[in-house]
PDB file of N, CA and C in Angstrom:
ATOM      1  N   MET A   1     216.739 -61.109 218.727  1.00  0.00           N
ATOM      2  CA  MET A   1     217.984 -61.583 219.090  1.00  0.00           C
ATOM      3  C   MET A   1     218.541 -60.484 219.037  1.00  0.00           C
ATOM      4  N   ILE A   2     218.597 -59.240 218.154  1.00  0.00           N
ATOM      5  CA  ILE A   2     218.897 -57.921 218.615  1.00  0.00           C
ATOM      6  C   ILE A   2     219.247 -57.316 220.189  1.00  0.00           C
ATOM      7  N   VAL A   3     218.033 -57.390 220.031  1.00  0.00           N
ATOM      8  CA  VAL A   3     217.285 -56.722 221.253  1.00  0.00           C
ATOM      9  C   VAL A   3     217.846 -58.086 222.674  1.00  0.00           C
ATOM     10  N   ALA A   4     218.025 -59.185 222.493  1.00  0.00           N
ATOM     11  CA  ALA A   4     218.161 -60.140 223.546  1.00  0.00           C
ATOM     12  C   ALA A   4     219.823 -59.423 223.799  1.00  0.00           C
ATOM     13  N   ILE A   5     220.314 -59.164 222.841  1.00  0.00           N
ATOM     14  CA  ILE A   5     222.019 -58.949 222.676  1.00  0.00           C
ATOM     15  C   ILE A   5     221.979 -57.633 223.497  1.00  0.00           C
ATOM     16  N   VAL A   6     221.407 -56.823 222.951  1.00  0.00           N
ATOM     17  CA  VAL A   6     221.595 -55.386 223.343  1.00  0.00           C
ATOM     18  C   VAL A   6     221.350 -54.791 224.726  1.00  0.00           C
ATOM     19  N   VAL A   7     220.298 -55.238 225.080  1.00  0.00           N
ATOM     20  CA  VAL A   7     219.371 -54.823 226.478  1.00  0.00           C
ATOM     21  C   VAL A   7     219.352 -56.193 227.466  1.00  0.00           C
ATOM     22  N   GLY A   8     219.212 -57.140 227.221  1.00  0.00           N
ATOM     23  CA  GLY A   8     219.526 -58.576 227.761  1.00  0.00           C
ATOM     24  C   GLY A   8     217.908 -59.212 228.460  1.00  0.00           C
ATOM     25  N   ARG A   9     217.521 -59.491 229.139  1.00  0.00           N
ATOM     26  CA  ARG A   9     216.369 -60.080 229.594  1.00  0.00           C
ATOM     27  C   ARG A   9     214.993 -58.777 229.526  1.00  0.00           C
ATOM     28  N   SER A  10     215.391 -58.000 230.240  1.00  0.00           N
ATOM     29  CA  SER A  10     214.744 -56.961 230.858  1.00  0.00           C
ATOM     30  C   SER A  10     213.920 -56.463 229.732  1.00  0.00           C
ATOM     31  N   GLY A  11     215.309 -56.293 228.512  1.00  0.00           N
ATOM     32  CA  GLY A  11     214.606 -55.380 226.663  1.00  0.00           C
ATOM     33  C   GLY A  11     213.828 -56.584 226.452  1.00  0.00           C
ATOM     34  N   ILE A  12     213.449 -58.002 226.270  1.00  0.00           N
ATOM     35  CA  ILE A  12     212.713 -58.969 225.946  1.00  0.00           C
ATOM     36  C   ILE A  12     211.413 -58.661 226.919  1.00  0.00           C
ATOM     37  N   ASP A  13     211.795 -58.795 227.838  1.00  0.00           N
ATOM     38  CA  ASP A  13     209.996 -58.836 228.919  1.00  0.00           C
ATOM     39  C   ASP A  13     209.721 -57.350 228.094  1.00  0.00           C
ATOM     40  N   THR A  14     209.910 -56.213 228.260  1.00  0.00           N
ATOM     41  CA  THR A  14     209.221 -54.740 227.519  1.00  0.00           C
ATOM     42  C   THR A  14     208.974 -55.402 225.991  1.00  0.00           C
ATOM     43  N   LEU A  15     209.735 -55.537 225.311  1.00  0.00           N
ATOM     44  CA  LEU A  15     209.323 -56.030 224.103  1.00  0.00           C
ATOM     45  C   LEU A  15     208.102 -57.017 224.335  1.00  0.00           C
ATOM     46  N   LEU A  16     207.807 -58.040 224.839  1.00  0.00           N
ATOM     47  CA  LEU A  16     206.979 -58.804 224.586  1.00  0.00           C
ATOM     48  C   LEU A  16     205.498 -58.117 225.533  1.00  0.00           C
ATOM     49  N   VAL A  17     205.697 -57.349 226.573  1.00  0.00           N
ATOM     50  CA  VAL A  17     204.655 -56.874 227.447  1.00  0.00           C
ATOM     51  C   VAL A  17     204.287 -55.794 225.691  1.00  0.00           C
ATOM     52  N   ALA A  18     205.209 -54.642 225.130  1.00  0.00           N
ATOM     53  CA  ALA A  18     204.982 -53.669 224.004  1.00  0.00           C
ATOM     54  C   ALA A  18     203.801 -54.275 222.862  1.00  0.00           C
ATOM     55  N   SER A  19     204.629 -56.036 222.856  1.00  0.00           N
ATOM     56  CA  SER A  19     203.774 -56.316 221.435  1.00  0.00           C
ATOM     57  C   SER A  19     202.196 -56.799 221.575  1.00  0.00           C
ATOM     58  N   GLN A  20     202.280 -57.105 223.435  1.00  0.00           N
ATOM     59  CA  GLN A  20     200.840 -57.361 223.661  1.00  0.00           C
ATOM     60  C   GLN A  20     200.214 -56.374 223.738  1.00  0.00           C
ATOM     61  N   VAL A  21     200.616 -55.012 224.050  1.00  0.00           N
ATOM     62  CA  VAL A  21     199.309 -53.834 224.216  1.00  0.00           C
ATOM     63  C   VAL A  21     198.861 -53.395 222.646  1.00  0.00           C
ATOM     64  N   VAL A  22     200.378 -53.698 221.366  1.00  0.00           N
ATOM     65  CA  VAL A  22     199.709 -53.210 220.276  1.00  0.00           C
ATOM     66  C   VAL A  22     198.792 -54.144 219.750  1.00  0.00           C
ATOM     67  N   LEU A  23     199.321 -55.346 220.429  1.00  0.00           N
ATOM     68  CA  LEU A  23     198.110 -56.565 219.332  1.00  0.00           C
ATOM     69  C   LEU A  23     196.404 -56.456 220.093  1.00  0.00           C
ATOM     70  N   SER A  24     196.663 -55.775 221.645  1.00  0.00           N
ATOM     71  CA  SER A  24     194.720 -55.522 222.089  1.00  0.00           C
ATOM     72  C   SER A  24     194.435 -54.129 221.542  1.00  0.00           C
ATOM     73  N   ILE A  25     195.434 -53.670 221.275  1.00  0.00           N
ATOM     74  CA  ILE A  25     194.880 -52.146 220.686  1.00  0.00           C
ATOM     75  C   ILE A  25     194.185 -52.342 218.980  1.00  0.00           C
ATOM     76  N   VAL A  26     194.678 -53.468 218.325  1.00  0.00           N
ATOM     77  CA  VAL A  26     194.397 -53.452 216.872  1.00  0.00           C
ATOM     78  C   VAL A  26     193.227 -54.405 217.154  1.00  0.00           C
ATOM     79  N   LEU A  27     193.027 -55.311 218.374  1.00  0.00           N
ATOM     80  CA  LEU A  27     191.995 -56.442 218.328  1.00  0.00           C
ATOM     81  C   LEU A  27     190.879 -55.743 217.907  1.00  0.00           C
ATOM     82  N   PRO A  28     190.155 -54.597 218.261  1.00  0.00           N
ATOM     83  CA  PRO A  28     188.931 -54.232 218.349  1.00  0.00           C
ATOM     84  C   PRO A  28     188.405 -54.453 216.371  1.00  0.00           C
ATOM     85  N   PHE A  29     189.765 -53.722 216.017  1.00  0.00           N
ATOM     86  CA  PHE A  29     189.572 -53.141 214.453  1.00  0.00           C
ATOM     87  C   PHE A  29     189.444 -54.246 213.407  1.00  0.00           C
ATOM     88  N   VAL A  30     190.477 -55.779 214.063  1.00  0.00           N
ATOM     89  CA  VAL A  30     190.297 -56.753 213.520  1.00  0.00           C
ATOM     90  C   VAL A  30     188.837 -57.617 213.271  1.00  0.00           C
ATOM     91  N   THR A  31     188.055 -57.540 214.761  1.00  0.00           N
ATOM     92  CA  THR A  31     187.312 -58.179 214.659  1.00  0.00           C
ATOM     93  C   THR A  31     185.502 -57.785 214.891  1.00  0.00           C
ATOM     94  N   PHE A  32     186.070 -56.689 214.383  1.00  0.00           N
ATOM     95  CA  PHE A  32     184.488 -55.904 213.979  1.00  0.00           C
ATOM     96  C   PHE A  32     184.208 -56.128 212.878  1.00  0.00           C
ATOM     97  N   PRO A  33     184.996 -55.907 212.007  1.00  0.00           N
ATOM     98  CA  PRO A  33     183.955 -56.760 210.386  1.00  0.00           C
ATOM     99  C   PRO A  33     183.943 -57.821 210.694  1.00  0.00           C
ATOM    100  N   LEU A  34     184.641 -58.710 211.085  1.00  0.00           N
ATOM    101  CA  LEU A  34     184.057 -60.241 211.232  1.00  0.00           C
ATOM    102  C   LEU A  34     182.955 -60.518 212.197  1.00  0.00           C
ATOM    103  N   LEU A  35     182.465 -60.193 213.164  1.00  0.00           N
ATOM    104  CA  LEU A  35     181.335 -59.842 213.869  1.00  0.00           C
ATOM    105  C   LEU A  35     180.569 -58.574 212.956  1.00  0.00           C
ATOM    106  N   TYR A  36     180.251 -58.068 211.892  1.00  0.00           N
ATOM    107  CA  TYR A  36     179.476 -57.679 211.098  1.00  0.00           C
ATOM    108  C   TYR A  36     178.992 -58.172 209.799  1.00  0.00           C
ATOM    109  N   CYS A  37     179.972 -58.719 209.280  1.00  0.00           N
ATOM    110  CA  CYS A  37     179.960 -59.849 208.182  1.00  0.00           C
ATOM    111  C   CYS A  37     179.317 -61.092 208.821  1.00  0.00           C
ATOM    112  N   THR A  38     179.958 -61.856 209.639  1.00  0.00           N
ATOM    113  CA  THR A  38     179.181 -62.902 210.296  1.00  0.00           C
ATOM    114  C   THR A  38     177.435 -62.855 210.909  1.00  0.00           C
ATOM    115  N   ALA A  39     177.354 -61.125 210.714  1.00  0.00           N
ATOM    116  CA  ALA A  39     176.444 -61.170 211.312  1.00  0.00           C
ATOM    117  C   ALA A  39     174.397 -60.853 210.355  1.00  0.00           C
ATOM    118  N   ASN A  40     175.442 -60.687 208.976  1.00  0.00           N
ATOM    119  CA  ASN A  40     174.840 -59.920 207.943  1.00  0.00           C
ATOM    120  C   ASN A  40     174.422 -60.947 207.130  1.00  0.00           C
ATOM    121  N   LYS A  41     172.689 -61.453 207.125  1.00  0.00           N
ATOM    122  CA  LYS A  41     172.308 -62.336 206.223  1.00  0.00           C
ATOM    123  C   LYS A  41     172.588 -62.456 204.465  1.00  0.00           C
ATOM    124  N   ALA A  42     172.546 -60.945 204.094  1.00  0.00           N
ATOM    125  CA  ALA A  42     172.840 -61.127 203.041  1.00  0.00           C
ATOM    126  C   ALA A  42     174.588 -61.518 202.777  1.00  0.00           C
ATOM    127  N   ILE A  43     175.089 -61.279 203.452  1.00  0.00           N
ATOM    128  CA  ILE A  43     176.774 -61.713 203.276  1.00  0.00           C
ATOM    129  C   ILE A  43     177.074 -63.336 203.001  1.00  0.00           C
ATOM    130  N   MET A  44     176.181 -63.475 204.326  1.00  0.00           N
ATOM    131  CA  MET A  44     176.090 -65.343 204.828  1.00  0.00           C
ATOM    132  C   MET A  44     175.250 -66.236 204.383  1.00  0.00           C
ATOM    133  N   SER A  45     174.924 -65.638 203.012  1.00  0.00           N
ATOM    134  CA  SER A  45     173.629 -66.839 202.325  1.00  0.00           C
ATOM    135  C   SER A  45     174.272 -67.231 201.007  1.00  0.00           C
ATOM    136  N   VAL A  46     174.272 -68.983 200.942  1.00  0.00           N
ATOM    137  CA  VAL A  46     174.146 -69.205 199.249  1.00  0.00           C
ATOM    138  C   VAL A  46     173.094 -69.927 199.236  1.00  0.00           C
ATOM    139  N   ARG A  47     173.220 -69.945 198.056  1.00  0.00           N
ATOM    140  CA  ARG A  47     171.983 -70.552 197.231  1.00  0.00           C
ATOM    141  C   ARG A  47     172.036 -72.091 197.682  1.00  0.00           C
ATOM    142  N   LYS A  48     171.396 -73.021 197.346  1.00  0.00           N
ATOM    143  CA  LYS A  48     171.592 -74.247 197.690  1.00  0.00           C
ATOM    144  C   LYS A  48     170.551 -75.125 196.435  1.00  0.00           C
ATOM    145  N   SER A  49     171.929 -75.815 195.533  1.00  0.00           N
ATOM    146  CA  SER A  49     171.315 -76.198 194.771  1.00  0.00           C
ATOM    147  C   SER A  49     172.468 -77.715 194.167  1.00  0.00           C
ATOM    148  N   GLN A  50     171.205 -78.464 193.641  1.00  0.00           N
ATOM    149  CA  GLN A  50     171.648 -79.740 193.108  1.00  0.00           C
ATOM    150  C   GLN A  50     173.028 -79.447 191.650  1.00  0.00           C
ATOM    151  N   ARG A  51     173.828 -79.862 191.856  1.00  0.00           N
ATOM    152  CA  ARG A  51     175.358 -79.706 190.985  1.00  0.00           C
ATOM    153  C   ARG A  51     174.351 -81.065 190.128  1.00  0.00           C
ATOM    154  N   ALA A  52     174.722 -80.642 188.860  1.00  0.00           N
ATOM    155  CA  ALA A  52     174.680 -81.952 187.590  1.00  0.00           C
ATOM    156  C   ALA A  52     175.578 -82.604 187.487  1.00  0.00           C
ATOM    157  N   ASP A  53     176.504 -83.472 188.295  1.00  0.00           N
ATOM    158  CA  ASP A  53     177.344 -84.804 188.442  1.00  0.00           C
ATOM    159  C   ASP A  53     176.991 -85.056 189.904  1.00  0.00           C
ATOM    160  N   ALA A  54     175.976 -84.965 190.813  1.00  0.00           N
ATOM    161  CA  ALA A  54     175.554 -85.338 191.968  1.00  0.00           C
ATOM    162  C   ALA A  54     174.565 -86.819 191.419  1.00  0.00           C
ATOM    163  N   VAL A  55     174.636 -87.426 192.907  1.00  0.00           N
ATOM    164  CA  VAL A  55     174.144 -88.672 192.609  1.00  0.00           C
ATOM    165  C   VAL A  55     172.411 -88.052 193.170  1.00  0.00           C
ATOM    166  N   PRO A  56     171.482 -88.928 191.997  1.00  0.00           N
ATOM    167  CA  PRO A  56     170.049 -88.356 192.561  1.00  0.00           C
ATOM    168  C   PRO A  56     169.893 -89.439 193.459  1.00  0.00           C
ATOM    169  N   GLY A  57     168.886 -88.413 194.068  1.00  0.00           N
ATOM    170  CA  GLY A  57     169.186 -89.214 195.743  1.00  0.00           C
ATOM    171  C   GLY A  57     169.765 -88.938 196.875  1.00  0.00           C
ATOM    172  N   GLY A  58     171.213 -88.454 196.285  1.00  0.00           N
ATOM    173  CA  GLY A  58     172.180 -88.219 197.644  1.00  0.00           C
ATOM    174  C   GLY A  58     171.739 -87.191 198.121  1.00  0.00           C
ATOM    175  N   ASP A  59     172.367 -86.127 199.348  1.00  0.00           N
ATOM    176  CA  ASP A  59     172.722 -85.401 199.161  1.00  0.00           C
ATOM    177  C   ASP A  59     172.900 -84.021 198.459  1.00  0.00           C
ATOM    178  N   ASP A  60     171.935 -82.916 199.074  1.00  0.00           N
ATOM    179  CA  ASP A  60     172.027 -81.779 197.981  1.00  0.00           C
ATOM    180  C   ASP A  60     173.847 -81.026 198.680  1.00  0.00           C
ATOM    181  N   THR A  61     173.682 -80.334 197.264  1.00  0.00           N
ATOM    182  CA  THR A  61     175.486 -79.910 197.076  1.00  0.00           C
ATOM    183  C   THR A  61     174.900 -78.592 197.655  1.00  0.00           C
ATOM    184  N   LEU A  62     176.038 -77.503 198.434  1.00  0.00           N
ATOM    185  CA  LEU A  62     175.742 -76.333 198.367  1.00  0.00           C
ATOM    186  C   LEU A  62     176.545 -75.514 197.654  1.00  0.00           C
ATOM    187  N   ILE A  63     176.410 -74.705 197.137  1.00  0.00           N
ATOM    188  CA  ILE A  63     177.338 -73.862 195.935  1.00  0.00           C
ATOM    189  C   ILE A  63     177.036 -72.548 196.340  1.00  0.00           C
ATOM    190  N   ALA A  64     178.208 -71.714 196.249  1.00  0.00           N
ATOM    191  CA  ALA A  64     178.403 -70.684 196.952  1.00  0.00           C
ATOM    192  C   ALA A  64     177.998 -69.928 195.684  1.00  0.00           C
ATOM    193  N   VAL A  65     176.778 -68.929 195.515  1.00  0.00           N
ATOM    194  CA  VAL A  65     176.449 -68.228 194.771  1.00  0.00           C
ATOM    195  C   VAL A  65     177.073 -66.630 195.346  1.00  0.00           C
ATOM    196  N   GLU A  66     177.143 -65.605 193.982  1.00  0.00           N
ATOM    197  CA  GLU A  66     177.626 -64.093 194.666  1.00  0.00           C
ATOM    198  C   GLU A  66     176.409 -62.975 194.606  1.00  0.00           C
ATOM    199  N   LEU A  67     175.687 -62.665 195.034  1.00  0.00           N
ATOM    200  CA  LEU A  67     174.490 -61.712 194.925  1.00  0.00           C
ATOM    201  C   LEU A  67     175.165 -60.468 194.285  1.00  0.00           C
ATOM    202  N   PRO A  68     174.208 -60.140 193.441  1.00  0.00           N
ATOM    203  CA  PRO A  68     174.392 -58.850 192.963  1.00  0.00           C
ATOM    204  C   PRO A  68     174.061 -57.897 193.939  1.00  0.00           C
ATOM    205  N   PRO A  69     174.736 -56.676 193.564  1.00  0.00           N
ATOM    206  CA  PRO A  69     174.767 -55.444 194.386  1.00  0.00           C
ATOM    207  C   PRO A  69     173.246 -55.135 195.257  1.00  0.00           C
ATOM    208  N   ALA A  70     172.427 -54.969 194.179  1.00  0.00           N
ATOM    209  CA  ALA A  70     171.145 -54.822 194.957  1.00  0.00           C
ATOM    210  C   ALA A  70     170.774 -55.551 195.865  1.00  0.00           C
ATOM    211  N   LEU A  71     170.743 -56.723 195.574  1.00  0.00           N
ATOM    212  CA  LEU A  71     170.446 -57.923 196.729  1.00  0.00           C
ATOM    213  C   LEU A  71     171.321 -58.132 197.590  1.00  0.00           C
ATOM    214  N   ARG A  72     172.589 -57.442 198.132  1.00  0.00           N
ATOM    215  CA  ARG A  72     173.289 -57.424 198.741  1.00  0.00           C
ATOM    216  C   ARG A  72     172.996 -56.801 200.582  1.00  0.00           C
ATOM    217  N   ASP A  73     172.002 -55.808 200.417  1.00  0.00           N
ATOM    218  CA  ASP A  73     171.786 -55.324 201.643  1.00  0.00           C
ATOM    219  C   ASP A  73     170.151 -56.048 202.234  1.00  0.00           C
ATOM    220  N   ARG A  74     169.379 -56.240 201.286  1.00  0.00           N
ATOM    221  CA  ARG A  74     168.072 -56.742 201.862  1.00  0.00           C
ATOM    222  C   ARG A  74     168.073 -58.143 202.758  1.00  0.00           C
ATOM    223  N   ASP A  75     166.780 -58.302 202.911  1.00  0.00           N
ATOM    224  CA  ASP A  75     166.587 -58.956 203.962  1.00  0.00           C
ATOM    225  C   ASP A  75     166.571 -60.255 203.447  1.00  0.00           C
ATOM    226  N   LEU A  76     166.985 -61.693 203.858  1.00  0.00           N
ATOM    227  CA  LEU A  76     166.962 -62.686 203.310  1.00  0.00           C
ATOM    228  C   LEU A  76     166.049 -63.614 202.730  1.00  0.00           C
ATOM    229  N   VAL A  77     164.240 -62.916 202.873  1.00  0.00           N
ATOM    230  CA  VAL A  77     163.100 -63.172 202.583  1.00  0.00           C
ATOM    231  C   VAL A  77     162.945 -62.508 201.404  1.00  0.00           C
ATOM    232  N   GLU A  78     163.585 -61.159 201.405  1.00  0.00           N
ATOM    233  CA  GLU A  78     163.119 -60.498 200.323  1.00  0.00           C
ATOM    234  C   GLU A  78     163.983 -61.111 199.131  1.00  0.00           C
ATOM    235  N   VAL A  79     165.777 -61.644 199.763  1.00  0.00           N
ATOM    236  CA  VAL A  79     166.520 -61.997 198.876  1.00  0.00           C
ATOM    237  C   VAL A  79     165.455 -63.489 197.949  1.00  0.00           C
ATOM    238  N   GLU A  80     164.894 -64.239 198.298  1.00  0.00           N
ATOM    239  CA  GLU A  80     164.523 -65.120 197.902  1.00  0.00           C
ATOM    240  C   GLU A  80     163.395 -65.317 197.300  1.00  0.00           C
ATOM    241  N   LYS A  81     162.650 -64.130 197.539  1.00  0.00           N
ATOM    242  CA  LYS A  81     161.571 -63.944 196.191  1.00  0.00           C
ATOM    243  C   LYS A  81     162.115 -63.187 195.219  1.00  0.00           C
ATOM    244  N   LEU A  82     163.241 -62.397 195.278  1.00  0.00           N
ATOM    245  CA  LEU A  82     163.880 -61.863 194.599  1.00  0.00           C
ATOM    246  C   LEU A  82     164.688 -62.768 193.316  1.00  0.00           C
ATOM    247  N   GLY A  83     164.945 -63.947 193.312  1.00  0.00           N
ATOM    248  CA  GLY A  83     165.780 -64.700 193.119  1.00  0.00           C
ATOM    249  C   GLY A  83     166.229 -64.197 191.448  1.00  0.00           C
ATOM    250  N   ASP A  84     166.992 -65.106 190.953  1.00  0.00           N
ATOM    251  CA  ASP A  84     167.762 -64.836 189.882  1.00  0.00           C
ATOM    252  C   ASP A  84     167.269 -65.726 188.353  1.00  0.00           C
ATOM    253  N   GLY A  85     165.751 -66.373 188.845  1.00  0.00           N
ATOM    254  CA  GLY A  85     165.616 -67.741 187.991  1.00  0.00           C
ATOM    255  C   GLY A  85     166.668 -68.798 188.879  1.00  0.00           C
ATOM    256  N   GLU A  86     167.459 -68.974 189.338  1.00  0.00           N
ATOM    257  CA  GLU A  86     168.600 -70.082 189.620  1.00  0.00           C
ATOM    258  C   GLU A  86     167.568 -70.966 190.438  1.00  0.00           C
ATOM    259  N   GLN A  87     167.397 -72.548 190.023  1.00  0.00           N
ATOM    260  CA  GLN A  87     166.562 -73.567 191.466  1.00  0.00           C
ATOM    261  C   GLN A  87     167.409 -73.572 192.388  1.00  0.00           C
ATOM    262  N   GLY A  88     166.735 -73.513 193.526  1.00  0.00           N
ATOM    263  CA  GLY A  88     167.169 -73.708 194.587  1.00  0.00           C
ATOM    264  C   GLY A  88     166.863 -72.469 195.720  1.00  0.00           C
ATOM    265  N   GLU A  89     166.798 -72.853 196.747  1.00  0.00           N
ATOM    266  CA  GLU A  89     166.441 -72.274 198.198  1.00  0.00           C
ATOM    267  C   GLU A  89     167.850 -71.609 198.456  1.00  0.00           C
ATOM    268  N   MET A  90     167.573 -70.331 199.734  1.00  0.00           N
ATOM    269  CA  MET A  90     168.933 -69.634 200.077  1.00  0.00           C
ATOM    270  C   MET A  90     169.062 -70.579 201.235  1.00  0.00           C
ATOM    271  N   VAL A  91     169.920 -70.728 201.899  1.00  0.00           N
ATOM    272  CA  VAL A  91     170.450 -70.910 202.836  1.00  0.00           C
ATOM    273  C   VAL A  91     171.290 -70.300 203.679  1.00  0.00           C
ATOM    274  N   ASP A  92     170.721 -69.766 204.988  1.00  0.00           N
ATOM    275  CA  ASP A  92     171.412 -68.855 205.983  1.00  0.00           C
ATOM    276  C   ASP A  92     172.453 -69.481 206.583  1.00  0.00           C
ATOM    277  N   TYR A  93     173.772 -68.612 206.668  1.00  0.00           N
ATOM    278  CA  TYR A  93     174.533 -69.007 207.674  1.00  0.00           C
ATOM    279  C   TYR A  93     175.165 -68.363 208.651  1.00  0.00           C
ATOM    280  N   SER A  94     174.240 -67.201 208.936  1.00  0.00           N
ATOM    281  CA  SER A  94     175.187 -65.876 209.608  1.00  0.00           C
ATOM    282  C   SER A  94     174.597 -66.189 211.091  1.00  0.00           C
ATOM    283  N   ASN A  95     175.381 -65.397 211.915  1.00  0.00           N
ATOM    284  CA  ASN A  95     175.206 -65.690 213.294  1.00  0.00           C
ATOM    285  C   ASN A  95     174.022 -65.785 213.934  1.00  0.00           C
ATOM    286  N   ASN A  96     173.244 -66.268 214.774  1.00  0.00           N
ATOM    287  CA  ASN A  96     172.357 -66.351 215.802  1.00  0.00           C
ATOM    288  C   ASN A  96     172.486 -65.404 216.403  1.00  0.00           C
ATOM    289  N   LYS A  97     171.453 -64.903 216.602  1.00  0.00           N
ATOM    290  CA  LYS A  97     170.979 -63.553 218.111  1.00  0.00           C
ATOM    291  C   LYS A  97     172.060 -63.368 219.463  1.00  0.00           C
ATOM    292  N   LEU A  98     172.133 -64.820 219.758  1.00  0.00           N
ATOM    293  CA  LEU A  98     172.375 -64.882 220.884  1.00  0.00           C
ATOM    294  C   LEU A  98     174.446 -64.926 220.746  1.00  0.00           C
ATOM    295  N   THR A  99     174.923 -65.690 219.483  1.00  0.00           N
ATOM    296  CA  THR A  99     175.959 -65.494 218.736  1.00  0.00           C
ATOM    297  C   THR A  99     176.726 -63.850 218.898  1.00  0.00           C
ATOM    298  N   ILE A 100     175.698 -63.303 218.387  1.00  0.00           N
ATOM    299  CA  ILE A 100     176.138 -61.724 217.842  1.00  0.00           C
ATOM    300  C   ILE A 100     176.342 -61.139 219.226  1.00  0.00           C
ATOM    301  N   ALA A 101     174.998 -61.647 219.981  1.00  0.00           N
ATOM    302  CA  ALA A 101     175.051 -60.402 221.098  1.00  0.00           C
ATOM    303  C   ALA A 101     176.230 -61.123 222.313  1.00  0.00           C
ATOM    304  N   VAL A 102     176.808 -62.285 222.324  1.00  0.00           N
ATOM    305  CA  VAL A 102     178.307 -62.348 222.960  1.00  0.00           C
ATOM    306  C   VAL A 102     179.278 -61.820 222.238  1.00  0.00           C
ATOM    307  N   GLY A 103     179.218 -62.133 221.495  1.00  0.00           N
ATOM    308  CA  GLY A 103     180.605 -61.055 220.342  1.00  0.00           C
ATOM    309  C   GLY A 103     180.551 -59.960 220.487  1.00  0.00           C
ATOM    310  N   VAL A 104     179.452 -59.210 220.312  1.00  0.00           N
ATOM    311  CA  VAL A 104     179.289 -57.677 221.013  1.00  0.00           C
ATOM    312  C   VAL A 104     179.957 -57.390 222.531  1.00  0.00           C
ATOM    313  N   ALA A 105     179.595 -58.274 223.396  1.00  0.00           N
ATOM    314  CA  ALA A 105     180.012 -58.086 224.962  1.00  0.00           C
ATOM    315  C   ALA A 105     181.345 -58.530 224.660  1.00  0.00           C
ATOM    316  N   ILE A 106     181.804 -59.040 224.183  1.00  0.00           N
ATOM    317  CA  ILE A 106     183.224 -59.028 224.343  1.00  0.00           C
ATOM    318  C   ILE A 106     184.123 -58.219 223.470  1.00  0.00           C
ATOM    319  N   TRP A 107     183.666 -57.954 222.541  1.00  0.00           N
ATOM    320  CA  TRP A 107     184.216 -56.939 221.640  1.00  0.00           C
ATOM    321  C   TRP A 107     184.088 -55.059 222.995  1.00  0.00           C
ATOM    322  N   LEU A 108     182.965 -55.161 223.070  1.00  0.00           N
ATOM    323  CA  LEU A 108     182.787 -53.909 224.020  1.00  0.00           C
ATOM    324  C   LEU A 108     183.533 -53.870 225.042  1.00  0.00           C
ATOM    325  N   LEU A 109     184.107 -54.798 226.416  1.00  0.00           N
ATOM    326  CA  LEU A 109     184.832 -55.456 226.864  1.00  0.00           C
ATOM    327  C   LEU A 109     186.024 -54.990 226.894  1.00  0.00           C
ATOM    328  N   VAL A 110     186.917 -55.496 225.384  1.00  0.00           N
ATOM    329  CA  VAL A 110     187.653 -55.156 225.023  1.00  0.00           C
ATOM    330  C   VAL A 110     188.411 -53.405 224.582  1.00  0.00           C
ATOM    331  N   VAL A 111     187.272 -53.013 224.216  1.00  0.00           N
ATOM    332  CA  VAL A 111     187.332 -51.616 223.642  1.00  0.00           C
ATOM    333  C   VAL A 111     187.242 -51.263 224.923  1.00  0.00           C
ATOM    334  N   ALA A 112     186.757 -51.150 226.243  1.00  0.00           N
ATOM    335  CA  ALA A 112     186.749 -50.519 227.110  1.00  0.00           C
ATOM    336  C   ALA A 112     187.861 -51.177 228.114  1.00  0.00           C
ATOM    337  N   ALA A 113     188.308 -51.779 228.392  1.00  0.00           N
ATOM    338  CA  ALA A 113     189.985 -51.969 228.839  1.00  0.00           C
ATOM    339  C   ALA A 113     190.675 -51.672 227.981  1.00  0.00           C
ATOM    340  N   ASN A 114     190.777 -51.584 226.575  1.00  0.00           N
ATOM    341  CA  ASN A 114     191.638 -50.428 225.879  1.00  0.00           C
ATOM    342  C   ASN A 114     191.487 -48.864 226.187  1.00  0.00           C
ATOM    343  N   VAL A 115     190.497 -48.582 226.265  1.00  0.00           N
ATOM    344  CA  VAL A 115     190.240 -47.465 226.406  1.00  0.00           C
ATOM    345  C   VAL A 115     190.736 -46.739 227.922  1.00  0.00           C
ATOM    346  N   TYR A 116     190.635 -47.882 228.975  1.00  0.00           N
ATOM    347  CA  TYR A 116     191.014 -47.270 230.251  1.00  0.00           C
ATOM    348  C   TYR A 116     192.548 -47.695 230.247  1.00  0.00           C
ATOM    349  N   VAL A 117     193.312 -48.873 229.415  1.00  0.00           N
ATOM    350  CA  VAL A 117     194.613 -48.283 229.556  1.00  0.00           C
ATOM    351  C   VAL A 117     195.142 -47.489 228.895  1.00  0.00           C
ATOM    352  N   LEU A 118     194.720 -46.965 227.768  1.00  0.00           N
ATOM    353  CA  LEU A 118     195.237 -45.756 227.310  1.00  0.00           C
ATOM    354  C   LEU A 118     194.724 -44.102 227.868  1.00  0.00           C
ATOM    355  N   VAL A 119     193.460 -44.368 228.528  1.00  0.00           N
ATOM    356  CA  VAL A 119     193.854 -43.193 229.178  1.00  0.00           C
ATOM    357  C   VAL A 119     194.417 -43.319 230.794  1.00  0.00           C
ATOM    358  N   GLU A 120     194.641 -43.920 230.914  1.00  0.00           N
ATOM    359  CA  GLU A 120     195.949 -44.430 232.634  1.00  0.00           C
ATOM    360  C   GLU A 120     196.969 -44.595 231.789  1.00  0.00           C
ATOM    361  N   LEU A 121     197.558 -44.381 231.003  1.00  0.00           N
ATOM    362  CA  LEU A 121     198.932 -44.264 230.447  1.00  0.00           C
ATOM    363  C   LEU A 121     199.160 -42.708 230.073  1.00  0.00           C
ATOM    364  N   VAL A 122     198.027 -42.076 229.783  1.00  0.00           N
ATOM    365  CA  VAL A 122     197.836 -40.774 228.970  1.00  0.00           C
ATOM    366  C   VAL A 122     198.090 -39.683 230.776  1.00  0.00           C
ATOM    367  N   MET A 123     197.476 -40.317 232.064  1.00  0.00           N
ATOM    368  CA  MET A 123     197.302 -39.195 232.884  1.00  0.00           C
ATOM    369  C   MET A 123     198.701 -39.647 233.885  1.00  0.00           C
TER     370      MET A 123
END
């Protein structure tokens, strides 16, 4: 509101463009951890087990289980072999390779566009 009163409509337009530039520059820093975490099988795996109060013969209920630090960076196959004695199999919710590839391609496009804009602004 202060910008509108002080500099008028052109100030609002400038502020809107500046905010979009800042958001575009911050976007890769926000999306990289999202891509990394959703592609990691150790992070995106949960143990599938039956709840004690579940109806016999009904659908299995998924319960999220925190993996111990020693198992977090291992492959899902190793995690299944090295289970901690609990009943149930591991279910992998990580992104497939096509989804990861598309996400990384979009991420690289945004980074390249940001680098181009920053280089053009400096020159």
